[in-house]
């Protein structure tokens, strides 16, 4: 195939703001976790598939398999849909309170 470019699990984007390695990144409907640091205007690779330990809404308890959403306004993952973006599912339980949770990103654009 002459038109194949790459698998798409790692995507290079231009940083709209300063980004730190491991930081969740949402651009439109594209969500991933930064593989490295980048300043505004620099390119950075975001990883769209895999299990990541991500910041979560502290006052929530998660169960395995629960849908997880990105709350861009608060910069955390949440089990609440509201106006948040679906990013994956919890792969481990998380207690209330706790600051992080394990999320499976499957690379699907939702």
N, C-alpha and C. Protein backbone atom coordinates (compact mmCIF):
# COMPACT_ATOMS: atom_id res chain seq x y z
N UNK A 1 0.83 -1.18 0.00
CA UNK A 1 0.00 0.00 0.00
C UNK A 1 0.88 1.24 0.00
N UNK A 2 0.69 2.07 -0.94
CA UNK A 2 1.47 3.29 -1.03
C UNK A 2 0.91 4.40 -0.14
N UNK A 3 -0.32 4.28 0.28
CA UNK A 3 -0.94 5.36 1.07
C UNK A 3 -0.87 5.12 2.57
N UNK A 4 -0.33 4.00 3.03
CA UNK A 4 -0.20 3.72 4.46
C UNK A 4 0.89 4.60 5.06
N UNK A 5 0.58 5.23 6.21
CA UNK A 5 1.56 6.11 6.83
C UNK A 5 2.14 5.50 8.10
N UNK A 6 1.28 5.11 9.06
CA UNK A 6 1.75 4.52 10.31
C UNK A 6 0.57 3.97 11.09
N UNK A 7 0.80 3.18 12.16
CA UNK A 7 -0.30 2.58 12.90
C UNK A 7 -1.22 3.58 13.61
N UNK A 8 -0.71 4.71 14.05
CA UNK A 8 -1.54 5.72 14.70
C UNK A 8 -1.63 5.62 16.20
N UNK A 9 -0.88 4.70 16.80
CA UNK A 9 -0.88 4.60 18.26
C UNK A 9 -0.06 5.73 18.88
N UNK A 10 0.90 6.23 18.14
CA UNK A 10 1.72 7.37 18.55
C UNK A 10 1.53 8.43 17.46
N UNK A 11 1.09 9.61 17.88
CA UNK A 11 0.79 10.67 16.92
C UNK A 11 1.59 11.91 17.31
N UNK A 12 2.23 12.52 16.34
CA UNK A 12 2.97 13.76 16.58
C UNK A 12 2.04 14.95 16.37
N UNK A 13 1.98 15.82 17.38
CA UNK A 13 1.15 17.02 17.31
C UNK A 13 2.02 18.23 17.63
N UNK A 14 1.52 19.41 17.35
CA UNK A 14 2.19 20.64 17.73
C UNK A 14 1.56 21.13 19.02
N UNK A 15 2.38 21.38 20.02
CA UNK A 15 1.88 21.78 21.34
C UNK A 15 1.27 23.18 21.28
N UNK A 16 0.02 23.30 21.73
CA UNK A 16 -0.67 24.59 21.79
C UNK A 16 -0.33 25.31 23.10
N UNK A 17 0.21 24.55 24.05
CA UNK A 17 0.67 25.09 25.34
C UNK A 17 1.83 24.22 25.79
N UNK A 18 2.52 24.63 26.84
CA UNK A 18 3.62 23.82 27.36
C UNK A 18 3.07 22.48 27.84
N UNK A 19 3.78 21.41 27.50
CA UNK A 19 3.35 20.05 27.84
C UNK A 19 4.50 19.33 28.52
N UNK A 20 4.16 18.57 29.57
CA UNK A 20 5.16 17.77 30.28
C UNK A 20 4.95 16.29 29.96
N UNK A 21 6.02 15.54 29.96
CA UNK A 21 5.95 14.10 29.74
C UNK A 21 4.96 13.47 30.71
N UNK A 22 4.07 12.62 30.18
CA UNK A 22 3.08 11.95 31.01
C UNK A 22 1.79 12.73 31.18
N UNK A 23 1.74 13.93 30.65
CA UNK A 23 0.56 14.79 30.79
C UNK A 23 -0.52 14.36 29.80
N UNK A 24 -1.78 14.25 30.25
CA UNK A 24 -2.87 13.99 29.32
C UNK A 24 -3.05 15.19 28.38
N UNK A 25 -3.34 14.90 27.11
CA UNK A 25 -3.50 15.95 26.10
C UNK A 25 -4.77 15.68 25.30
N UNK A 26 -5.63 16.69 25.20
CA UNK A 26 -6.84 16.60 24.38
C UNK A 26 -6.81 17.75 23.39
N UNK A 27 -6.87 17.39 22.10
CA UNK A 27 -6.96 18.38 21.03
C UNK A 27 -8.16 17.99 20.19
N UNK A 28 -9.24 18.77 20.31
CA UNK A 28 -10.48 18.40 19.63
C UNK A 28 -10.98 17.08 20.17
N UNK A 29 -11.03 16.05 19.34
CA UNK A 29 -11.43 14.71 19.77
C UNK A 29 -10.25 13.76 19.90
N UNK A 30 -9.04 14.26 19.72
CA UNK A 30 -7.83 13.44 19.80
C UNK A 30 -7.27 13.50 21.22
N UNK A 31 -7.23 12.34 21.89
CA UNK A 31 -6.74 12.28 23.27
C UNK A 31 -5.57 11.32 23.34
N UNK A 32 -4.56 11.70 24.12
CA UNK A 32 -3.41 10.82 24.35
C UNK A 32 -2.60 11.34 25.51
N UNK A 33 -1.50 10.67 25.78
CA UNK A 33 -0.61 11.03 26.87
C UNK A 33 0.74 11.41 26.26
N UNK A 34 1.26 12.57 26.65
CA UNK A 34 2.51 13.07 26.08
C UNK A 34 3.67 12.14 26.41
N UNK A 35 4.44 11.82 25.39
CA UNK A 35 5.61 10.95 25.55
C UNK A 35 6.83 11.73 26.03
N UNK A 36 6.82 13.04 25.83
CA UNK A 36 7.94 13.87 26.24
C UNK A 36 7.46 15.28 26.54
N UNK A 37 8.41 16.16 26.85
CA UNK A 37 8.10 17.56 27.12
C UNK A 37 8.08 18.34 25.81
N UNK A 38 7.31 19.44 25.80
CA UNK A 38 7.30 20.34 24.64
C UNK A 38 6.87 21.73 25.07
N UNK A 39 7.48 22.72 24.45
CA UNK A 39 7.07 24.11 24.64
C UNK A 39 6.04 24.45 23.56
N UNK A 40 5.38 25.56 23.72
CA UNK A 40 4.39 26.01 22.73
C UNK A 40 5.04 26.03 21.35
N UNK A 41 4.35 25.44 20.38
CA UNK A 41 4.84 25.42 19.00
C UNK A 41 5.77 24.28 18.67
N UNK A 42 6.25 23.54 19.67
CA UNK A 42 7.12 22.39 19.42
C UNK A 42 6.29 21.14 19.16
N UNK A 43 6.88 20.20 18.46
CA UNK A 43 6.21 18.93 18.22
C UNK A 43 6.41 18.01 19.43
N UNK A 44 5.39 17.22 19.71
CA UNK A 44 5.44 16.24 20.79
C UNK A 44 4.63 15.02 20.35
N UNK A 45 5.06 13.86 20.77
CA UNK A 45 4.35 12.62 20.46
C UNK A 45 3.36 12.34 21.58
N UNK A 46 2.12 12.04 21.21
CA UNK A 46 1.15 11.58 22.20
C UNK A 46 0.83 10.11 21.93
N UNK A 47 0.70 9.35 23.01
CA UNK A 47 0.42 7.92 22.94
C UNK A 47 -1.08 7.73 23.13
N UNK A 48 -1.72 7.05 22.18
CA UNK A 48 -3.17 6.93 22.17
C UNK A 48 -3.68 5.58 22.66
N UNK A 49 -2.81 4.60 22.87
CA UNK A 49 -3.23 3.27 23.30
C UNK A 49 -2.37 2.82 24.48
N UNK A 50 -3.01 2.10 25.38
CA UNK A 50 -2.27 1.54 26.50
C UNK A 50 -2.94 1.86 27.83
N UNK A 51 -2.34 1.34 28.89
CA UNK A 51 -2.86 1.58 30.24
C UNK A 51 -1.96 2.63 30.90
N UNK A 52 -2.60 3.67 31.41
CA UNK A 52 -1.89 4.78 32.02
C UNK A 52 -2.45 5.07 33.40
N UNK A 53 -1.60 5.49 34.32
CA UNK A 53 -2.04 6.00 35.61
C UNK A 53 -2.20 7.51 35.43
N UNK A 54 -3.44 7.97 35.55
CA UNK A 54 -3.76 9.36 35.24
C UNK A 54 -4.42 10.05 36.43
N UNK A 55 -4.34 11.38 36.48
CA UNK A 55 -5.00 12.11 37.57
C UNK A 55 -6.51 11.91 37.48
N UNK A 56 -7.15 11.74 38.64
CA UNK A 56 -8.60 11.53 38.64
C UNK A 56 -9.29 12.47 39.61
N UNK A 57 -10.58 12.64 39.41
CA UNK A 57 -11.39 13.40 40.34
C UNK A 57 -11.30 12.69 41.69
N UNK A 58 -10.78 13.35 42.68
CA UNK A 58 -10.48 12.72 43.97
C UNK A 58 -11.68 12.15 44.70
N UNK A 59 -12.83 12.77 44.56
CA UNK A 59 -14.01 12.35 45.34
C UNK A 59 -14.84 11.31 44.62
N UNK A 60 -14.24 10.54 43.73
CA UNK A 60 -14.95 9.48 43.02
C UNK A 60 -14.33 8.12 43.34
N UNK A 61 -15.17 7.11 43.33
CA UNK A 61 -14.70 5.73 43.39
C UNK A 61 -14.94 5.13 42.00
N UNK A 62 -13.96 4.41 41.48
CA UNK A 62 -14.08 3.77 40.17
C UNK A 62 -14.11 2.26 40.36
N UNK A 63 -14.86 1.59 39.49
CA UNK A 63 -14.86 0.13 39.45
C UNK A 63 -14.24 -0.30 38.12
N UNK A 64 -13.71 -1.49 38.08
CA UNK A 64 -13.11 -2.02 36.86
C UNK A 64 -14.16 -2.04 35.75
N UNK A 65 -13.79 -1.52 34.60
CA UNK A 65 -14.69 -1.51 33.45
C UNK A 65 -15.55 -0.27 33.33
N UNK A 66 -15.49 0.61 34.32
CA UNK A 66 -16.28 1.85 34.26
C UNK A 66 -15.75 2.75 33.15
N UNK A 67 -16.66 3.39 32.41
CA UNK A 67 -16.24 4.35 31.40
C UNK A 67 -15.58 5.54 32.09
N UNK A 68 -14.49 6.01 31.50
CA UNK A 68 -13.75 7.14 32.06
C UNK A 68 -13.69 8.26 31.03
N UNK A 69 -13.91 9.48 31.52
CA UNK A 69 -14.00 10.67 30.69
C UNK A 69 -12.91 11.66 31.08
N UNK A 70 -12.51 12.51 30.13
CA UNK A 70 -11.55 13.56 30.44
C UNK A 70 -12.31 14.84 30.74
N UNK A 71 -12.11 15.36 31.94
CA UNK A 71 -12.68 16.63 32.39
C UNK A 71 -11.63 17.70 32.14
N UNK A 72 -11.67 18.32 30.96
CA UNK A 72 -10.65 19.28 30.56
C UNK A 72 -10.64 20.50 31.47
N UNK A 73 -11.81 20.90 31.97
CA UNK A 73 -11.88 22.08 32.82
C UNK A 73 -11.11 21.92 34.12
N UNK A 74 -11.08 20.70 34.64
CA UNK A 74 -10.38 20.44 35.90
C UNK A 74 -9.08 19.67 35.71
N UNK A 75 -8.79 19.24 34.48
CA UNK A 75 -7.54 18.52 34.19
C UNK A 75 -7.44 17.17 34.86
N UNK A 76 -8.60 16.45 34.96
CA UNK A 76 -8.62 15.14 35.60
C UNK A 76 -9.53 14.19 34.83
N UNK A 77 -9.33 12.90 35.07
CA UNK A 77 -10.24 11.89 34.57
C UNK A 77 -11.42 11.80 35.52
N UNK A 78 -12.57 11.43 34.96
CA UNK A 78 -13.80 11.41 35.74
C UNK A 78 -14.69 10.27 35.28
N UNK A 79 -15.49 9.75 36.17
CA UNK A 79 -16.49 8.74 35.82
C UNK A 79 -17.81 9.40 35.42
N UNK A 80 -17.83 10.72 35.40
CA UNK A 80 -19.03 11.48 35.06
C UNK A 80 -18.98 11.91 33.60
N UNK A 81 -20.00 11.56 32.84
CA UNK A 81 -20.04 11.89 31.41
C UNK A 81 -20.23 13.39 31.20
N UNK A 82 -21.32 13.95 31.67
CA UNK A 82 -21.66 15.38 31.49
C UNK A 82 -21.17 15.88 30.15
N UNK A 83 -20.37 16.93 30.11
CA UNK A 83 -19.82 17.44 28.86
C UNK A 83 -18.38 16.98 28.66
N UNK A 84 -17.96 15.95 29.40
CA UNK A 84 -16.59 15.44 29.33
C UNK A 84 -16.42 14.49 28.15
N UNK A 85 -15.19 14.28 27.72
CA UNK A 85 -14.85 13.45 26.57
C UNK A 85 -14.51 12.02 26.99
N UNK A 86 -15.23 11.03 26.45
CA UNK A 86 -14.95 9.62 26.75
C UNK A 86 -13.56 9.27 26.23
N UNK A 87 -12.70 8.74 27.13
CA UNK A 87 -11.33 8.41 26.73
C UNK A 87 -10.98 6.94 26.88
N UNK A 88 -11.73 6.18 27.70
CA UNK A 88 -11.40 4.77 27.90
C UNK A 88 -12.17 4.18 29.05
N UNK A 89 -11.59 3.16 29.68
CA UNK A 89 -12.22 2.48 30.81
C UNK A 89 -11.22 2.26 31.94
N UNK A 90 -11.75 2.18 33.14
CA UNK A 90 -10.92 1.88 34.31
C UNK A 90 -10.50 0.42 34.26
N UNK A 91 -9.23 0.14 34.52
CA UNK A 91 -8.75 -1.25 34.54
C UNK A 91 -8.41 -1.70 35.95
N UNK A 92 -8.61 -0.81 36.90
CA UNK A 92 -8.41 -1.14 38.32
C UNK A 92 -9.37 -0.27 39.11
N UNK A 93 -9.80 -0.79 40.25
CA UNK A 93 -10.65 0.02 41.11
C UNK A 93 -9.85 1.18 41.69
N UNK A 94 -10.55 2.27 41.96
CA UNK A 94 -9.92 3.45 42.58
C UNK A 94 -10.85 3.92 43.69
N UNK A 95 -10.28 4.18 44.83
CA UNK A 95 -11.09 4.54 45.99
C UNK A 95 -11.41 6.03 46.03
N UNK A 96 -12.38 6.37 46.84
CA UNK A 96 -12.72 7.75 47.15
C UNK A 96 -12.24 7.99 48.57
N UNK A 97 -11.30 8.87 48.81
CA UNK A 97 -10.59 9.71 47.86
C UNK A 97 -9.32 9.04 47.35
N UNK A 98 -8.93 9.41 46.15
CA UNK A 98 -7.63 9.04 45.59
C UNK A 98 -7.33 10.00 44.44
N UNK A 99 -6.06 10.21 44.17
CA UNK A 99 -5.65 11.22 43.20
C UNK A 99 -5.40 10.67 41.80
N UNK A 100 -5.22 9.33 41.68
CA UNK A 100 -4.93 8.74 40.38
C UNK A 100 -5.75 7.49 40.17
N UNK A 101 -5.91 7.13 38.90
CA UNK A 101 -6.60 5.90 38.53
C UNK A 101 -5.96 5.33 37.29
N UNK A 102 -6.12 4.03 37.07
CA UNK A 102 -5.56 3.37 35.89
C UNK A 102 -6.63 3.28 34.81
N UNK A 103 -6.26 3.82 33.63
CA UNK A 103 -7.20 3.93 32.52
C UNK A 103 -6.62 3.26 31.29
N UNK A 104 -7.45 2.44 30.62
CA UNK A 104 -7.09 1.84 29.35
C UNK A 104 -7.56 2.77 28.24
N UNK A 105 -6.59 3.33 27.51
CA UNK A 105 -6.91 4.10 26.32
C UNK A 105 -6.86 3.12 25.16
N UNK A 106 -7.92 3.09 24.35
CA UNK A 106 -7.93 2.13 23.24
C UNK A 106 -7.70 2.79 21.89
N UNK A 107 -7.45 4.10 21.87
CA UNK A 107 -7.15 4.79 20.63
C UNK A 107 -8.35 5.14 19.79
N UNK A 108 -9.55 4.84 20.28
CA UNK A 108 -10.76 5.13 19.52
C UNK A 108 -11.12 6.60 19.63
N UNK A 109 -11.50 7.20 18.52
CA UNK A 109 -11.99 8.58 18.53
C UNK A 109 -13.48 8.51 18.80
N UNK A 110 -13.90 9.20 19.84
CA UNK A 110 -15.33 9.15 20.21
C UNK A 110 -15.92 10.52 20.14
